[in-house]
Amino acid sequence: MKKNKAFSLVELSVVILIIGILIAGVTQSGRLIRQIKLSTARSLTSSSDVASIRDVTAWFEATTAGVFTDINGNTDIDDKSKLRAWRDVNPQKSISDKPIMKNGTAVDGSTNNSEPKYIISGINGLPSVYFDGGANNGDTTLSDSTGDLISTVDTATMPILALDKTYSMFAVFRSDKGKAQQNAIIAQIGNGSDITAQSFASIGLLDGDSTNNSKPGFVTSEAKATSWVSDARITDYNDYIVGALVDFITPTSPADASVKLFVNSLTPVTYVGGDTRVATTIGAAKFVIGASNHATASKHFTGMISEVIVFDRKIKDEEAQGVMKYLRKKYNINN
């Protein structure tokens, strides 16, 4: 009867070496794939229609090198780093004219745990910013008791002017598990005081009763009748692009036609319900990403945000489709 022969130390060493080489190869392959995707995304951004469309007033995206600063002052940052600032990449403005979004409510960079996190592989495997929603609502490895947001109160660089009645806003986001039905604000410009004052413009999710919550769109109050939203709800862990083309001059009275809304599709949303429309008058004292902008921040978003674009006019339909095509291709988002 043959005896089982044990592996020698040399043979075991060779096996361990081969396993190590395979693991290293897989790791390097993963890094290479991420690098290729990142390079492709940067190329799409630099060559996109957005750069050539007139009146871009703010453009925050997460793939450009050096746009983030972490809480330690570093611009070369690691996965899950807490962020202090997110810089505008708008090529149509000089550095001094661009808004810089900073964490919490402090514009001097001081921290108060309202610190969104950098995610190296977020929406479509590209860098994104994670907002935890507060009260330990988000991913257990990323959340704390304070809702994340970044903001600016610098009037000189505000993306939309006070009392402006025509503008356009776009945002790319993914809601976290169980958070799709929250009344959350992805991006908001307004007076920084009262959310019921009809003095702000938001890309966000509608709240309220079970009939209307989790519906995305252009939100100007807590009521569906005074917001322009899709009748289709968003769902957890799915990726969305929401764009709103706003014109409170034509028609002269607020109507469905005052806001043209895009949700993932190149075709605008058709509103249902016969809502009574009310215009909003922008206060433009504060610009926030990740929460509402009134004095005590609330309605925090829980999930990832990858890109926010603002124009200081209602852009043309073909221009809006150009923006949507760019974002859909970059983040691999379809209808």
Protein backbone atom coordinates (compact mmCIF):
# COMPACT_ATOMS: atom_id res chain seq x y z
CA MET A 1 0.00 0.00 0.00
CA LYS A 2 1.32 3.41 -1.02
CA LYS A 3 1.87 5.96 1.68
CA ASN A 4 0.62 9.53 1.09
CA LYS A 5 3.59 11.77 0.54
CA ALA A 6 3.55 15.15 2.28
CA PHE A 7 4.47 18.31 0.42
CA SER A 8 7.99 19.48 1.04
CA LEU A 9 8.68 23.01 2.26
CA VAL A 10 10.00 23.86 -1.19
CA GLU A 11 6.81 22.67 -2.85
CA LEU A 12 4.65 24.58 -0.37
CA SER A 13 6.72 27.71 -0.97
CA VAL A 14 6.23 27.38 -4.72
CA VAL A 15 2.44 27.02 -4.29
CA ILE A 16 2.29 30.03 -1.97
CA LEU A 17 4.39 32.03 -4.44
CA ILE A 18 2.06 31.12 -7.33
CA ILE A 19 -1.01 32.08 -5.27
CA GLY A 20 0.64 35.38 -4.36
CA ILE A 21 1.42 36.11 -8.01
CA LEU A 22 -2.18 35.35 -9.00
CA ILE A 23 -3.58 37.60 -6.26
CA ALA A 24 -1.19 40.39 -7.22
CA GLY A 25 -2.22 39.98 -10.85
CA VAL A 26 -5.92 40.23 -10.00
CA THR A 27 -5.29 43.29 -7.81
CA GLN A 28 -3.23 45.01 -10.50
CA SER A 29 -5.83 44.10 -13.10
CA GLY A 30 -8.55 45.71 -10.97
CA ARG A 31 -6.48 48.85 -10.57
CA LEU A 32 -5.81 48.96 -14.30
CA ILE A 33 -9.51 48.65 -15.11
CA ARG A 34 -10.34 51.48 -12.66
CA GLN A 35 -7.61 53.63 -14.17
CA ILE A 36 -8.91 53.03 -17.70
CA LYS A 37 -12.47 53.89 -16.62
CA LEU A 38 -11.23 57.03 -14.86
CA SER A 39 -9.22 58.13 -17.88
CA THR A 40 -12.22 57.55 -20.15
CA ALA A 41 -14.51 59.53 -17.82
CA ARG A 42 -12.06 62.44 -17.72
CA SER A 43 -11.88 62.44 -21.51
CA LEU A 44 -15.69 62.44 -21.75
CA THR A 45 -15.86 65.37 -19.31
CA SER A 46 -13.28 67.50 -21.11
CA SER A 47 -14.83 66.86 -24.54
CA SER A 48 -18.50 67.03 -23.48
CA ASP A 49 -21.09 69.47 -24.77
CA VAL A 50 -21.29 71.00 -21.29
CA ALA A 51 -18.00 72.88 -21.72
CA SER A 52 -19.27 74.60 -24.87
CA ILE A 53 -22.81 75.43 -23.72
CA ARG A 54 -23.15 79.08 -22.78
CA ASP A 55 -23.80 80.21 -19.18
CA VAL A 56 -22.48 77.30 -17.14
CA THR A 57 -22.28 78.79 -13.64
CA ALA A 58 -21.29 75.74 -11.58
CA TRP A 59 -19.93 72.31 -12.45
CA PHE A 60 -18.98 69.87 -9.72
CA GLU A 61 -17.81 66.42 -10.78
CA ALA A 62 -15.70 63.81 -9.03
CA THR A 63 -13.27 62.41 -11.61
CA THR A 64 -11.04 65.44 -12.25
CA ALA A 65 -7.69 65.36 -10.42
CA GLY A 66 -7.33 67.82 -7.54
CA VAL A 67 -11.00 68.79 -7.13
CA PHE A 68 -11.18 67.48 -3.55
CA THR A 69 -9.41 68.42 -0.33
CA ASP A 70 -9.70 66.13 2.67
CA ILE A 71 -9.95 67.29 6.30
CA ASN A 72 -6.16 67.07 6.60
CA GLY A 73 -5.59 69.41 3.67
CA ASN A 74 -4.57 66.72 1.16
CA THR A 75 -5.66 66.78 -2.48
CA ASP A 76 -4.31 63.30 -3.26
CA ILE A 77 -6.88 61.44 -1.20
CA ASP A 78 -7.70 57.87 -0.27
CA ASP A 79 -10.93 55.91 -0.42
CA LYS A 80 -13.44 56.89 2.30
CA SER A 81 -11.50 60.05 3.21
CA LYS A 82 -13.57 62.77 4.88
CA LEU A 83 -13.86 65.80 2.62
CA ARG A 84 -13.35 69.44 3.47
CA ALA A 85 -13.88 70.93 -0.01
CA TRP A 86 -15.13 70.17 -3.53
CA ARG A 87 -13.96 72.52 -6.30
CA ASP A 88 -15.78 73.69 -9.41
CA VAL A 89 -14.37 72.48 -12.77
CA ASN A 90 -16.26 75.02 -14.90
CA PRO A 91 -13.90 76.07 -17.75
CA GLN A 92 -15.95 79.21 -18.42
CA LYS A 93 -14.93 80.90 -15.15
CA SER A 94 -11.66 81.98 -13.60
CA ILE A 95 -10.62 80.36 -10.32
CA SER A 96 -11.63 83.43 -8.31
CA ASP A 97 -15.15 83.35 -9.79
CA LYS A 98 -15.81 79.68 -9.03
CA PRO A 99 -17.71 78.56 -5.92
CA ILE A 100 -15.89 76.19 -3.54
CA MET A 101 -18.19 73.87 -1.64
CA LYS A 102 -17.05 73.23 1.93
CA ASN A 103 -18.28 70.81 4.54
CA GLY A 104 -20.91 71.64 7.14
CA THR A 105 -22.05 75.25 7.31
CA ALA A 106 -18.62 76.78 7.87
CA VAL A 107 -16.98 78.46 4.90
CA ASP A 108 -13.63 78.72 6.69
CA GLY A 109 -13.14 74.96 6.47
CA SER A 110 -13.78 74.23 10.14
CA THR A 111 -15.34 70.84 10.75
CA ASN A 112 -18.49 69.79 12.56
CA ASN A 113 -18.79 66.14 11.47
CA SER A 114 -20.87 67.18 8.45
CA GLU A 115 -18.19 65.61 6.32
CA PRO A 116 -19.09 63.72 3.15
CA LYS A 117 -16.72 60.93 2.13
CA TYR A 118 -14.76 60.31 -1.05
CA ILE A 119 -15.61 56.96 -2.63
CA ILE A 120 -13.02 55.72 -5.13
CA SER A 121 -15.42 53.33 -6.89
CA GLY A 122 -18.91 54.79 -6.80
CA ILE A 123 -21.48 55.27 -9.55
CA ASN A 124 -20.37 53.24 -12.61
CA GLY A 125 -17.13 52.42 -10.77
CA LEU A 126 -16.09 56.09 -10.84
CA PRO A 127 -15.24 58.40 -7.92
CA SER A 128 -18.32 59.74 -6.11
CA VAL A 129 -19.15 61.58 -2.88
CA TYR A 130 -21.05 59.75 -0.14
CA PHE A 131 -23.51 61.68 2.08
CA ASP A 132 -24.60 59.76 5.17
CA GLY A 133 -27.94 61.43 5.94
CA GLY A 134 -27.19 61.71 9.66
CA ALA A 135 -28.52 59.80 12.67
CA ASN A 136 -26.36 56.85 11.57
CA ASN A 137 -28.77 56.35 8.67
CA GLY A 138 -26.31 55.44 5.97
CA ASP A 139 -23.73 52.76 5.27
CA THR A 140 -22.61 51.54 8.70
CA THR A 141 -18.94 51.94 7.78
CA LEU A 142 -19.40 55.54 6.63
CA SER A 143 -22.17 57.17 8.67
CA ASP A 144 -22.35 59.05 11.94
CA SER A 145 -24.99 61.03 13.81
CA THR A 146 -24.50 64.26 11.84
CA GLY A 147 -25.94 64.63 8.34
CA ASP A 148 -23.35 65.39 5.67
CA LEU A 149 -23.48 68.39 3.38
CA ILE A 150 -21.22 70.83 1.60
CA SER A 151 -22.13 74.44 0.95
CA THR A 152 -21.09 77.96 0.08
CA VAL A 153 -22.53 81.33 1.14
CA ASP A 154 -20.21 83.36 -1.08
CA THR A 155 -22.63 85.67 -2.89
CA ALA A 156 -20.06 86.67 -5.52
CA THR A 157 -19.75 83.09 -6.80
CA MET A 158 -23.35 81.96 -6.30
CA PRO A 159 -24.41 79.88 -9.35
CA ILE A 160 -27.83 81.57 -9.62
CA LEU A 161 -28.52 85.23 -8.94
CA ALA A 162 -31.13 86.40 -6.46
CA LEU A 163 -34.59 86.82 -8.05
CA ASP A 164 -33.45 84.86 -11.11
CA LYS A 165 -36.39 83.31 -12.98
CA THR A 166 -34.63 81.22 -15.64
CA TYR A 167 -31.98 78.58 -14.93
CA SER A 168 -31.18 74.88 -15.36
CA MET A 169 -29.90 72.25 -12.90
CA PHE A 170 -28.64 68.68 -13.33
CA ALA A 171 -27.53 66.07 -10.78
CA VAL A 172 -26.28 62.46 -10.85
CA PHE A 173 -26.98 60.39 -7.72
CA ARG A 174 -27.71 56.98 -6.16
CA SER A 175 -29.89 56.59 -3.07
CA ASP A 176 -28.67 54.31 -0.29
CA LYS A 177 -30.48 51.21 0.95
CA GLY A 178 -33.89 52.02 2.39
CA LYS A 179 -33.49 55.77 1.73
CA ALA A 180 -35.17 56.22 -1.64
CA GLN A 181 -38.41 57.39 -0.02
CA GLN A 182 -36.87 60.06 2.15
CA ASN A 183 -37.50 63.71 1.39
CA ALA A 184 -33.92 64.47 0.42
CA ILE A 185 -32.21 67.34 -1.35
CA ILE A 186 -29.42 66.58 -3.78
CA ALA A 187 -28.65 70.22 -4.66
CA GLN A 188 -30.36 73.43 -3.57
CA ILE A 189 -29.94 77.18 -4.04
CA GLY A 190 -32.00 79.56 -1.94
CA ASN A 191 -32.42 82.03 0.86
CA GLY A 192 -31.01 79.87 3.63
CA SER A 193 -33.88 80.44 6.03
CA ASP A 194 -37.30 78.83 5.59
CA ILE A 195 -37.99 75.84 3.35
CA THR A 196 -41.64 76.85 2.99
CA ALA A 197 -40.84 80.33 1.74
CA GLN A 198 -40.86 79.44 -2.00
CA SER A 199 -37.46 81.10 -2.27
CA PHE A 200 -35.25 78.23 -3.34
CA ALA A 201 -34.65 75.82 -6.24
CA SER A 202 -33.82 72.17 -5.67
CA ILE A 203 -33.12 68.92 -7.39
CA GLY A 204 -34.51 66.45 -4.88
CA LEU A 205 -37.07 63.88 -3.81
CA LEU A 206 -40.60 64.73 -2.82
CA ASP A 207 -41.83 63.87 0.68
CA GLY A 208 -45.29 63.86 2.15
CA ASP A 209 -47.82 61.07 1.95
CA SER A 210 -47.23 57.55 0.70
CA THR A 211 -48.60 58.55 -2.71
CA ASN A 212 -45.89 61.09 -3.45
CA ASN A 213 -42.73 60.28 -1.54
CA SER A 214 -39.55 59.28 -3.40
CA LYS A 215 -40.66 61.07 -6.59
CA PRO A 216 -37.68 62.98 -8.06
CA GLY A 217 -37.70 66.35 -9.73
CA PHE A 218 -37.59 70.10 -9.27
CA VAL A 219 -38.67 70.68 -5.67
CA THR A 220 -39.71 74.12 -4.45
CA SER A 221 -41.75 73.16 -1.39
CA GLU A 222 -42.92 70.15 0.60
CA ALA A 223 -46.08 69.90 -1.53
CA LYS A 224 -46.39 68.09 -4.86
CA ALA A 225 -48.70 70.79 -6.20
CA THR A 226 -45.94 73.40 -5.98
CA SER A 227 -43.14 71.17 -7.24
CA TRP A 228 -42.48 69.60 -10.62
CA VAL A 229 -41.76 65.90 -10.13
CA SER A 230 -41.85 62.62 -12.00
CA ASP A 231 -44.74 60.32 -11.23
CA ALA A 232 -42.29 57.40 -11.15
CA ARG A 233 -40.45 56.80 -7.88
CA ILE A 234 -36.73 56.20 -7.60
CA THR A 235 -35.51 52.94 -6.09
CA ASP A 236 -32.61 51.99 -3.82
CA TYR A 237 -29.18 51.41 -5.33
CA ASN A 238 -30.18 52.57 -8.79
CA ASP A 239 -28.45 55.44 -10.56
CA TYR A 240 -30.29 58.57 -11.67
CA ILE A 241 -29.79 61.75 -13.65
CA VAL A 242 -32.34 64.49 -12.93
CA GLY A 243 -32.33 67.70 -14.95
CA ALA A 244 -34.69 70.69 -14.67
CA LEU A 245 -35.01 73.52 -17.19
CA VAL A 246 -36.77 76.36 -15.36
CA ASP A 247 -38.53 79.38 -16.86
CA PHE A 248 -40.85 81.50 -14.71
CA ILE A 249 -41.05 84.24 -17.36
CA THR A 250 -42.59 82.24 -20.21
CA PRO A 251 -45.41 81.32 -19.69
CA THR A 252 -46.31 84.41 -17.68
CA SER A 253 -48.21 82.37 -15.08
CA PRO A 254 -46.64 79.25 -13.51
CA ALA A 255 -47.73 76.13 -15.37
CA ASP A 256 -46.53 72.63 -16.22
CA ALA A 257 -44.51 74.21 -19.04
CA SER A 258 -42.56 76.37 -16.55
CA VAL A 259 -40.25 73.45 -15.74
CA LYS A 260 -39.11 70.87 -18.27
CA LEU A 261 -37.95 67.83 -16.33
CA PHE A 262 -35.63 65.02 -17.45
CA VAL A 263 -35.18 61.80 -15.43
CA ASN A 264 -32.60 59.50 -17.05
CA SER A 265 -34.35 59.82 -20.42
CA LEU A 266 -33.71 62.17 -23.35
CA THR A 267 -37.47 62.76 -23.41
CA PRO A 268 -38.97 65.17 -20.85
CA VAL A 269 -41.33 63.91 -18.14
CA THR A 270 -45.07 64.25 -18.75
CA TYR A 271 -46.73 65.56 -15.60
CA VAL A 272 -49.95 64.04 -14.28
CA GLY A 273 -52.44 65.23 -11.70
CA GLY A 274 -53.40 68.73 -12.85
CA ASP A 275 -51.43 70.48 -10.08
CA THR A 276 -51.84 74.19 -9.36
CA ARG A 277 -48.41 75.71 -10.01
CA VAL A 278 -46.70 78.40 -7.93
CA ALA A 279 -43.54 80.25 -8.97
CA THR A 280 -40.48 80.30 -6.76
CA THR A 281 -38.41 83.44 -6.16
CA ILE A 282 -34.74 82.62 -5.61
CA GLY A 283 -33.09 84.13 -2.55
CA ALA A 284 -29.63 82.89 -3.63
CA ALA A 285 -27.92 83.32 -0.28
CA LYS A 286 -26.67 79.74 -0.06
CA PHE A 287 -25.80 76.85 -2.36
CA VAL A 288 -25.84 73.35 -0.82
CA ILE A 289 -25.16 69.83 -2.05
CA GLY A 290 -26.51 66.98 0.08
CA ALA A 291 -29.19 68.74 2.15
CA SER A 292 -31.65 71.62 2.30
CA ASN A 293 -30.16 75.07 2.67
CA HIS A 294 -32.23 76.77 5.36
CA ALA A 295 -30.74 77.92 8.66
CA THR A 296 -30.68 74.50 10.33
CA ALA A 297 -29.89 71.98 7.61
CA SER A 298 -32.35 69.13 7.20
CA LYS A 299 -33.73 66.81 4.52
CA HIS A 300 -30.27 65.30 4.19
CA PHE A 301 -29.61 63.04 1.24
CA THR A 302 -28.34 59.52 1.99
CA GLY A 303 -26.29 58.02 -0.81
CA MET A 304 -23.79 59.03 -3.50
CA ILE A 305 -23.63 62.15 -5.65
CA SER A 306 -21.24 62.22 -8.60
CA GLU A 307 -21.99 65.38 -10.55
CA VAL A 308 -23.93 68.66 -10.28
CA ILE A 309 -24.22 71.16 -13.14
CA VAL A 310 -25.97 74.57 -13.06
CA PHE A 311 -26.71 77.01 -15.90
CA ASP A 312 -27.86 80.61 -15.43
CA ARG A 313 -30.66 80.28 -18.00
CA LYS A 314 -33.16 77.77 -19.28
CA ILE A 315 -30.99 75.97 -21.80
CA LYS A 316 -32.42 74.82 -25.13
CA ASP A 317 -33.87 71.34 -25.54
CA GLU A 318 -31.01 70.24 -27.80
CA GLU A 319 -28.50 71.55 -25.25
CA ALA A 320 -30.27 69.66 -22.45
CA GLN A 321 -30.16 66.50 -24.54
CA GLY A 322 -26.43 67.05 -25.04
CA VAL A 323 -25.94 67.26 -21.26
CA MET A 324 -28.07 64.16 -20.70
CA LYS A 325 -26.21 62.18 -23.38
CA TYR A 326 -22.89 63.07 -21.78
CA LEU A 327 -24.04 62.06 -18.29
CA ARG A 328 -25.76 58.88 -19.50
CA LYS A 329 -22.61 57.76 -21.32
CA LYS A 330 -20.22 58.67 -18.52
CA TYR A 331 -22.24 56.91 -15.79
CA ASN A 332 -23.74 54.15 -17.96
CA ILE A 333 -27.30 55.22 -17.12
CA ASN A 334 -30.14 54.35 -19.47
CA ASN A 335 -33.91 54.80 -19.30
